[in-house]
Amino acid sequence: MTGRTVQQRLVIGIGLALVGSGSAHANEPAAPPSPAQEPAVPEPAAAPLPIVVVGGSAVDPRMRQVLEEARAHLQAQGVELSLVEPEAGQTAALRARTLVREGKARGVFWLDQRDPEEIRVFLLDAQGSAYVRRVPVDPKGVEASREAVWLIVESGSLALVSGEAVAMEQAAAEDLESDPGPKPDPPSEPPSGDTEPTFPSAEVTEPAEVTEPGGSAVRGRVGLSYLGAGFARSIPWSSGVAVDGAIDLADRWRLALGYGLLLPWRAGEPVVTWRHRAQLRGGPRFGVHPRVELYALVGGGVEAVRWRERAGDGAGWRITGLVGLDGGLSVRLVSTLWLVVEPGVGLLVNRFAFVECAEQATRCEGALRRVVLEPWRVRPRARVGLCWAFGGAR
């Protein structure tokens, strides 16, 4: 066997060995594929904790109405505000601590109205930090104090939701504990045989009458507005300006005195040139919101009408009596500035007509008499303007 033959056989043997090894690997079963990892299902997010206001028997009904309005206003902004009552024998401060400790509230407000000159608004946040804002109570402006409480609760709630700092000062520990709960009467011990029984004193102390401050206060307002009124078929609407003043008696009545000037209907020489009006009215008013009120006024007045003849230089005044009924809507724009919208109707008491007579006529009747203008008996009117409230008026 030559050396060349040996080299060929070695090459053939190595090739067969490699082929056999590849076949063995090909016959082995393939490893099972690894199971695909299932995507993780996110857990539903927990509902945000509400903000709570703890009420109580010491909170008057009108303040409760203000808190209800704040709750509706915050709900429109996506903030949940709940009103709860303290449990039996529990103070508002203790109820607030319980809600925060149990993780049921993002923050808890409560009010202290026992001081007639001040309302204290407390807040306890989820971290246990306590805050307070003091609202002075003006006997002539109770509604302004209620509106301040509404703004404090609303701004504090929005700050808690957004994570911003609360615009309130830190409350001292003694302030939080100043809301004592009802104290149970100590048990009475039966008198022993050696002691004489004691009897209660005949003097009875009557509880102090709780009156809402500002109930009998007199408050006022002064306004400037556009005045419009109808007059006759040929003068369907006249425009002018009105100045009026009013006083609010207690919380339900208004007395108003006003002056109005109506300008000529058109250029040239109209029959009626100027109209001056003065009237006294009164009626009830109703507060439907800290910023909105409705009212109705009825009363009477006089109107002086300046007229001029078409055919001559004659001119004069005609005095008429008016009886009117007006309904109004007032909206508070800022602290003491109100927008007033007041439609109404007036009734002419002494009906008359403007007539012209022929020139150089000795009598004014028949064909010599011509009716130039006949005023309406019932006339529409309206007023839109601004008024400034003073003396704690709503």
Protein backbone atom coordinates (compact mmCIF):
# COMPACT_ATOMS: atom_id res chain seq x y z
CA MET A 1 0.00 0.00 0.00
CA THR A 2 1.53 3.23 -1.07
CA GLY A 3 1.58 6.42 1.00
CA ARG A 4 -0.91 8.08 -1.36
CA THR A 5 -3.42 5.24 -0.79
CA VAL A 6 -3.13 5.60 2.99
CA GLN A 7 -3.87 9.32 2.86
CA GLN A 8 -7.01 8.74 0.73
CA ARG A 9 -8.40 6.14 3.19
CA LEU A 10 -7.83 8.47 6.16
CA VAL A 11 -9.75 11.27 4.44
CA ILE A 12 -12.67 8.91 3.61
CA GLY A 13 -12.82 7.63 7.24
CA ILE A 14 -12.90 11.10 8.73
CA GLY A 15 -15.73 12.12 6.34
CA LEU A 16 -17.86 9.07 7.28
CA ALA A 17 -17.38 9.80 10.95
CA LEU A 18 -18.57 13.39 10.53
CA VAL A 19 -21.64 12.28 8.53
CA GLY A 20 -22.63 9.75 11.18
CA SER A 21 -22.34 12.32 13.93
CA GLY A 22 -24.59 14.75 12.03
CA SER A 23 -27.23 12.06 11.51
CA ALA A 24 -27.26 11.24 15.19
CA HIS A 25 -27.88 14.85 16.09
CA ALA A 26 -30.62 15.11 13.49
CA ASN A 27 -32.50 12.12 14.95
CA GLU A 28 -32.62 13.60 18.48
CA PRO A 29 -36.06 15.09 19.37
CA ALA A 30 -36.20 18.89 19.40
CA ALA A 31 -36.47 20.57 22.79
CA PRO A 32 -39.99 21.76 23.53
CA PRO A 33 -40.42 25.50 23.08
CA SER A 34 -40.50 27.53 26.26
CA PRO A 35 -43.99 28.61 27.18
CA ALA A 36 -44.79 32.22 26.22
CA GLN A 37 -45.04 34.57 29.14
CA GLU A 38 -48.59 35.85 29.59
CA PRO A 39 -48.91 39.66 29.72
CA ALA A 40 -49.54 40.99 33.18
CA VAL A 41 -53.06 42.37 33.67
CA PRO A 42 -52.89 45.75 35.42
CA GLU A 43 -54.95 45.96 38.56
CA PRO A 44 -57.72 48.56 38.51
CA ALA A 45 -56.68 51.83 40.09
CA ALA A 46 -58.23 52.56 43.45
CA ALA A 47 -60.82 55.31 43.52
CA PRO A 48 -59.43 58.58 44.89
CA LEU A 49 -60.25 59.28 48.49
CA PRO A 50 -62.94 61.90 49.03
CA ILE A 51 -62.63 65.14 50.94
CA VAL A 52 -65.00 65.23 53.90
CA VAL A 53 -66.77 68.02 55.78
CA VAL A 54 -67.94 67.01 59.24
CA GLY A 55 -71.14 68.79 60.24
CA GLY A 56 -72.90 68.82 63.55
CA SER A 57 -75.72 70.36 65.52
CA ALA A 58 -73.70 73.57 65.95
CA VAL A 59 -73.69 74.26 62.18
CA ASP A 60 -76.69 76.42 61.28
CA PRO A 61 -78.92 75.41 58.34
CA ARG A 62 -77.80 78.29 56.09
CA MET A 63 -74.16 77.28 56.50
CA ARG A 64 -75.15 73.73 55.58
CA GLN A 65 -76.70 75.11 52.41
CA VAL A 66 -73.45 76.93 51.61
CA LEU A 67 -71.49 73.68 52.09
CA GLU A 68 -73.93 71.83 49.82
CA GLU A 69 -73.37 74.45 47.13
CA ALA A 70 -69.60 74.11 47.54
CA ARG A 71 -69.95 70.34 47.15
CA ALA A 72 -71.92 70.73 43.90
CA HIS A 73 -69.42 73.28 42.57
CA LEU A 74 -66.45 71.00 43.35
CA GLN A 75 -68.19 67.99 41.85
CA ALA A 76 -68.44 69.89 38.57
CA GLN A 77 -64.62 70.21 38.72
CA GLY A 78 -64.11 66.48 39.35
CA VAL A 79 -63.52 66.75 43.11
CA GLU A 80 -65.65 64.64 45.46
CA LEU A 81 -66.71 66.41 48.65
CA SER A 82 -68.77 64.44 51.18
CA LEU A 83 -70.78 65.80 54.09
CA VAL A 84 -70.94 63.54 57.16
CA GLU A 85 -72.21 63.84 60.71
CA PRO A 86 -70.23 62.98 63.85
CA GLU A 87 -71.32 59.83 65.60
CA ALA A 88 -73.20 59.91 68.88
CA GLY A 89 -71.05 61.35 71.66
CA GLN A 90 -68.29 62.25 69.20
CA THR A 91 -66.93 65.71 68.44
CA ALA A 92 -66.25 66.95 64.93
CA ALA A 93 -62.49 67.00 65.63
CA LEU A 94 -62.52 63.40 66.87
CA ARG A 95 -64.58 62.32 63.87
CA ALA A 96 -62.02 63.99 61.57
CA ARG A 97 -59.11 62.17 63.25
CA THR A 98 -60.95 58.85 62.93
CA LEU A 99 -61.58 59.30 59.21
CA VAL A 100 -57.95 60.26 58.53
CA ARG A 101 -56.53 57.49 60.74
CA GLU A 102 -58.66 54.84 58.99
CA GLY A 103 -57.57 56.15 55.57
CA LYS A 104 -61.11 57.09 54.49
CA ALA A 105 -60.46 60.72 53.57
CA ARG A 106 -57.85 62.77 51.80
CA GLY A 107 -58.68 65.66 54.11
CA VAL A 108 -61.41 66.60 56.57
CA PHE A 109 -62.92 70.05 57.22
CA TRP A 110 -65.04 71.04 60.19
CA LEU A 111 -66.42 74.33 61.53
CA ASP A 112 -66.51 75.97 64.95
CA GLN A 113 -69.31 78.56 65.14
CA ARG A 114 -69.64 78.90 68.90
CA ASP A 115 -68.01 82.34 68.90
CA PRO A 116 -70.59 84.85 67.57
CA GLU A 117 -67.80 87.11 66.31
CA GLU A 118 -65.76 84.47 64.49
CA ILE A 119 -66.09 81.28 62.44
CA ARG A 120 -63.11 78.94 62.58
CA VAL A 121 -62.60 76.57 59.63
CA PHE A 122 -60.37 73.58 60.49
CA LEU A 123 -58.68 71.15 58.09
CA LEU A 124 -56.90 67.88 58.87
CA ASP A 125 -55.02 66.39 55.91
CA ALA A 126 -54.05 62.76 55.28
CA GLN A 127 -50.61 63.29 56.88
CA GLY A 128 -52.22 64.42 60.15
CA SER A 129 -51.32 68.11 59.73
CA ALA A 130 -53.97 70.45 61.10
CA TYR A 131 -54.79 73.90 59.71
CA VAL A 132 -57.21 76.68 60.63
CA ARG A 133 -58.63 79.84 59.05
CA ARG A 134 -60.52 82.42 61.10
CA VAL A 135 -63.39 84.27 59.43
CA PRO A 136 -64.61 87.41 61.24
CA VAL A 137 -68.39 87.70 61.47
CA ASP A 138 -69.75 91.17 60.83
CA PRO A 139 -73.27 91.49 62.30
CA LYS A 140 -74.17 93.53 59.21
CA GLY A 141 -72.66 91.10 56.70
CA VAL A 142 -73.41 87.50 57.64
CA GLU A 143 -73.66 86.43 54.01
CA ALA A 144 -70.13 87.68 53.31
CA SER A 145 -68.85 85.44 56.13
CA ARG A 146 -70.69 82.43 54.71
CA GLU A 147 -69.24 83.11 51.27
CA ALA A 148 -65.75 83.29 52.80
CA VAL A 149 -66.25 79.84 54.35
CA TRP A 150 -67.37 78.52 50.97
CA LEU A 151 -64.23 79.89 49.28
CA ILE A 152 -61.96 78.45 51.99
CA VAL A 153 -63.45 74.96 51.65
CA GLU A 154 -63.33 75.11 47.85
CA SER A 155 -59.75 76.42 47.58
CA GLY A 156 -58.53 74.03 50.28
CA SER A 157 -60.10 71.05 48.52
CA LEU A 158 -58.55 71.98 45.19
CA ALA A 159 -55.16 72.39 46.89
CA LEU A 160 -55.41 68.92 48.46
CA VAL A 161 -56.27 67.33 45.12
CA SER A 162 -53.50 69.11 43.21
CA GLY A 163 -50.89 68.59 45.93
CA GLU A 164 -50.33 72.31 46.43
CA ALA A 165 -49.84 74.05 49.75
CA VAL A 166 -53.04 74.89 51.64
CA ALA A 167 -53.59 78.61 52.21
CA MET A 168 -54.29 78.14 55.93
CA GLU A 169 -52.22 78.54 59.06
CA GLN A 170 -51.08 75.72 61.31
CA ALA A 171 -53.57 74.96 64.07
CA ALA A 172 -52.45 74.65 67.69
CA ALA A 173 -53.27 71.53 69.68
CA GLU A 174 -55.45 73.48 72.10
CA ASP A 175 -57.51 74.77 69.15
CA LEU A 176 -58.26 71.23 68.02
CA GLU A 177 -59.35 70.20 71.48
CA SER A 178 -61.59 73.23 71.97
CA ASP A 179 -64.65 71.41 70.69
CA PRO A 180 -65.86 69.54 73.75
CA GLY A 181 -68.40 66.83 73.31
CA PRO A 182 -71.50 66.37 75.41
CA LYS A 183 -70.60 65.52 78.97
CA PRO A 184 -72.70 62.84 80.63
CA ASP A 185 -74.36 63.77 83.87
CA PRO A 186 -72.61 62.24 86.89
CA PRO A 187 -74.60 59.47 88.53
CA SER A 188 -76.55 60.65 91.51
CA GLU A 189 -75.88 58.90 94.78
CA PRO A 190 -78.80 58.08 97.00
CA PRO A 191 -78.75 60.11 100.22
CA SER A 192 -77.60 58.21 103.28
CA GLY A 193 -79.56 58.17 106.49
CA ASP A 194 -77.11 60.54 108.21
CA THR A 195 -77.34 63.29 105.61
CA GLU A 196 -80.27 65.38 104.67
CA PRO A 197 -81.40 65.16 101.06
CA THR A 198 -80.58 68.18 98.93
CA PHE A 199 -83.07 69.71 96.57
CA PRO A 200 -82.31 71.63 93.39
CA SER A 201 -82.44 75.40 93.54
CA ALA A 202 -85.73 76.98 92.56
CA GLU A 203 -83.86 79.42 90.33
CA VAL A 204 -83.92 78.20 86.74
CA THR A 205 -81.47 79.61 84.26
CA GLU A 206 -83.04 79.87 80.83
CA PRO A 207 -80.81 79.15 77.87
CA ALA A 208 -79.69 82.20 75.97
CA GLU A 209 -81.70 82.82 72.86
CA VAL A 210 -79.65 82.17 69.75
CA THR A 211 -80.25 84.84 67.15
CA GLU A 212 -78.58 85.14 63.82
CA PRO A 213 -76.52 88.33 63.66
CA GLY A 214 -77.56 90.79 61.03
CA GLY A 215 -81.21 89.76 61.03
CA SER A 216 -82.40 93.30 61.73
CA ALA A 217 -79.55 95.20 60.12
CA VAL A 218 -80.28 97.89 57.55
CA ARG A 219 -78.05 97.68 54.50
CA GLY A 220 -77.99 99.83 51.39
CA ARG A 221 -76.97 100.03 47.76
CA VAL A 222 -76.62 102.68 45.06
CA GLY A 223 -76.89 101.92 41.35
CA LEU A 224 -76.41 103.41 37.89
CA SER A 225 -78.05 101.70 34.92
CA TYR A 226 -79.48 101.87 31.44
CA LEU A 227 -83.22 102.62 31.44
CA GLY A 228 -85.60 101.81 28.63
CA ALA A 229 -89.38 102.27 28.43
CA GLY A 230 -92.19 102.23 25.92
CA PHE A 231 -94.50 105.22 25.46
CA ALA A 232 -96.77 105.14 22.39
CA ARG A 233 -97.17 103.64 18.95
CA SER A 234 -95.07 106.36 17.32
CA ILE A 235 -92.52 106.22 20.18
CA PRO A 236 -92.37 102.49 20.98
CA TRP A 237 -89.14 102.63 22.98
CA SER A 238 -87.08 105.38 24.61
CA SER A 239 -83.65 104.98 26.17
CA GLY A 240 -82.00 106.83 29.00
CA VAL A 241 -80.24 106.50 32.32
CA ALA A 242 -81.44 105.71 35.84
CA VAL A 243 -79.97 106.40 39.27
CA ASP A 244 -81.48 104.59 42.23
CA GLY A 245 -80.83 103.82 45.86
CA ALA A 246 -82.23 101.04 48.03
CA ILE A 247 -82.14 99.82 51.60
CA ASP A 248 -82.55 96.19 52.64
CA LEU A 249 -84.56 95.66 55.79
CA ALA A 250 -83.61 92.45 57.61
CA ASP A 251 -83.03 89.65 55.12
CA ARG A 252 -86.29 89.69 53.17
CA TRP A 253 -87.43 93.20 52.24
CA ARG A 254 -86.19 96.02 50.04
CA LEU A 255 -87.26 99.65 49.74
CA ALA A 256 -86.04 101.53 46.65
CA LEU A 257 -86.17 105.14 45.46
CA GLY A 258 -85.14 105.95 41.90
CA TYR A 259 -84.86 108.69 39.28
CA GLY A 260 -84.80 108.14 35.53
CA LEU A 261 -84.20 110.38 32.53
CA LEU A 262 -85.47 109.23 29.11
CA LEU A 263 -84.00 111.00 26.07
CA PRO A 264 -85.89 112.18 22.97
CA TRP A 265 -87.00 109.44 20.62
CA ARG A 266 -85.29 110.81 17.49
CA ALA A 267 -83.63 113.92 16.06
CA GLY A 268 -85.64 116.86 14.75
CA GLU A 269 -88.69 118.15 16.55
CA PRO A 270 -90.56 115.27 18.14
CA VAL A 271 -93.71 115.87 20.10
CA VAL A 272 -92.13 114.47 23.29
CA THR A 273 -88.61 115.70 24.00
CA TRP A 274 -87.68 114.67 27.56
CA ARG A 275 -89.22 112.42 30.20
CA HIS A 276 -88.27 112.67 33.88
CA ARG A 277 -89.38 109.91 36.23
CA ALA A 278 -89.28 109.45 40.02
CA GLN A 279 -90.70 106.42 41.82
CA LEU A 280 -90.81 104.71 45.20
CA ARG A 281 -91.06 100.91 45.32
CA GLY A 282 -90.84 98.10 47.83
CA GLY A 283 -91.10 94.33 48.00
CA PRO A 284 -89.53 91.02 49.02
CA ARG A 285 -86.14 89.64 48.00
CA PHE A 286 -84.87 86.07 48.09
CA GLY A 287 -81.27 84.85 48.25
CA VAL A 288 -81.00 81.71 46.10
CA HIS A 289 -77.18 81.58 46.26
CA PRO A 290 -74.39 83.52 48.01
CA ARG A 291 -73.90 85.34 44.69
CA VAL A 292 -77.46 85.42 43.31
CA GLU A 293 -80.70 86.93 44.55
CA LEU A 294 -84.19 87.52 43.17
CA TYR A 295 -86.59 90.29 44.13
CA ALA A 296 -89.95 91.82 43.21
CA LEU A 297 -90.85 95.50 43.66
CA VAL A 298 -94.21 97.22 43.42
CA GLY A 299 -94.88 100.92 43.83
CA GLY A 300 -95.79 104.18 42.23
CA GLY A 301 -94.33 107.43 40.97
CA VAL A 302 -94.72 110.42 38.71
CA GLU A 303 -93.41 111.18 35.25
CA ALA A 304 -92.95 114.71 33.88
CA VAL A 305 -93.22 114.75 30.08
CA ARG A 306 -91.80 117.70 28.17
CA TRP A 307 -93.63 118.25 24.85
CA ARG A 308 -93.47 120.64 21.92
CA GLU A 309 -95.99 121.55 19.23
CA ARG A 310 -95.19 120.80 15.62
CA ALA A 311 -97.06 123.71 14.13
CA GLY A 312 -95.92 126.40 16.53
CA ASP A 313 -93.58 127.36 19.27
CA GLY A 314 -95.86 126.23 22.06
CA ALA A 315 -94.43 123.81 24.58
CA GLY A 316 -95.16 122.63 28.07
CA TRP A 317 -95.09 119.88 30.66
CA ARG A 318 -97.51 117.10 31.33
CA ILE A 319 -97.42 115.34 34.72
CA THR A 320 -98.61 111.74 34.79
CA GLY A 321 -98.99 109.17 37.53
CA LEU A 322 -97.56 105.64 37.23
CA VAL A 323 -98.03 102.36 39.06
CA GLY A 324 -95.45 99.68 38.33
CA LEU A 325 -94.41 96.11 39.00
CA ASP A 326 -90.81 95.01 38.45
CA GLY A 327 -88.94 91.75 38.92
CA GLY A 328 -85.19 91.69 39.33
CA LEU A 329 -82.16 89.41 39.22
CA SER A 330 -78.92 90.45 40.97
CA VAL A 331 -75.59 88.67 40.49
CA ARG A 332 -72.57 89.49 42.65
CA LEU A 333 -69.53 90.20 40.44
CA VAL A 334 -67.05 91.04 43.19
CA SER A 335 -67.30 91.66 46.92
CA THR A 336 -69.62 94.70 46.79
CA LEU A 337 -70.43 95.10 43.07
CA TRP A 338 -73.62 93.58 41.64
CA LEU A 339 -75.04 93.22 38.13
CA VAL A 340 -78.77 94.03 38.04
CA VAL A 341 -81.30 92.98 35.38
CA GLU A 342 -84.81 94.28 36.04
CA PRO A 343 -87.72 93.95 33.57
CA GLY A 344 -91.09 95.39 34.48
CA VAL A 345 -94.32 97.00 33.43
CA GLY A 346 -95.94 100.38 34.22
CA LEU A 347 -99.59 101.42 34.28
CA LEU A 348 -100.58 104.99 33.40
CA VAL A 349 -102.99 106.37 35.99
CA ASN A 350 -104.27 109.51 34.23
CA ARG A 351 -104.59 108.74 30.55
CA PHE A 352 -104.34 111.65 28.14
CA ALA A 353 -103.48 112.53 24.53
CA PHE A 354 -101.28 115.17 22.86
CA VAL A 355 -103.32 117.28 20.45
CA GLU A 356 -102.60 120.18 18.12
CA CYS A 357 -105.02 122.88 17.07
CA ALA A 358 -105.15 124.81 13.84
CA GLU A 359 -103.26 128.07 13.77
CA GLN A 360 -105.22 131.16 14.84
CA ALA A 361 -108.13 128.94 15.88
CA THR A 362 -110.24 130.27 18.73
CA ARG A 363 -111.44 126.79 19.63
CA CYS A 364 -109.69 123.39 19.62
CA GLU A 365 -112.38 120.92 18.72
CA GLY A 366 -113.81 119.06 15.79
CA ALA A 367 -111.83 119.47 12.58
CA LEU A 368 -109.58 122.04 14.29
CA ARG A 369 -108.30 119.44 16.73
CA ARG A 370 -105.78 116.75 15.73
CA VAL A 371 -104.48 113.98 18.01
CA VAL A 372 -100.73 113.88 17.51
CA LEU A 373 -99.79 111.25 20.07
CA GLU A 374 -101.75 109.02 22.45
CA PRO A 375 -99.62 107.28 25.15
CA TRP A 376 -100.13 103.63 25.96
CA ARG A 377 -102.02 102.81 29.12
CA VAL A 378 -99.71 99.84 29.88
CA ARG A 379 -96.03 100.28 29.06
CA PRO A 380 -93.09 97.86 29.16
CA ARG A 381 -89.86 98.96 30.80
CA ALA A 382 -86.47 97.53 31.71
CA ARG A 383 -83.31 98.41 33.58
CA VAL A 384 -79.79 96.88 33.28
CA GLY A 385 -76.83 98.18 35.22
CA LEU A 386 -74.48 97.96 38.20
CA CYS A 387 -75.01 98.71 41.85
CA TRP A 388 -72.62 99.12 44.76
CA ALA A 389 -73.62 97.54 48.07
CA PHE A 390 -72.47 98.97 51.39
CA GLY A 391 -73.06 98.43 55.08
CA GLY A 392 -72.61 94.64 54.77
CA ALA A 393 -75.33 94.21 52.17
CA ARG A 394 -75.58 91.03 50.27
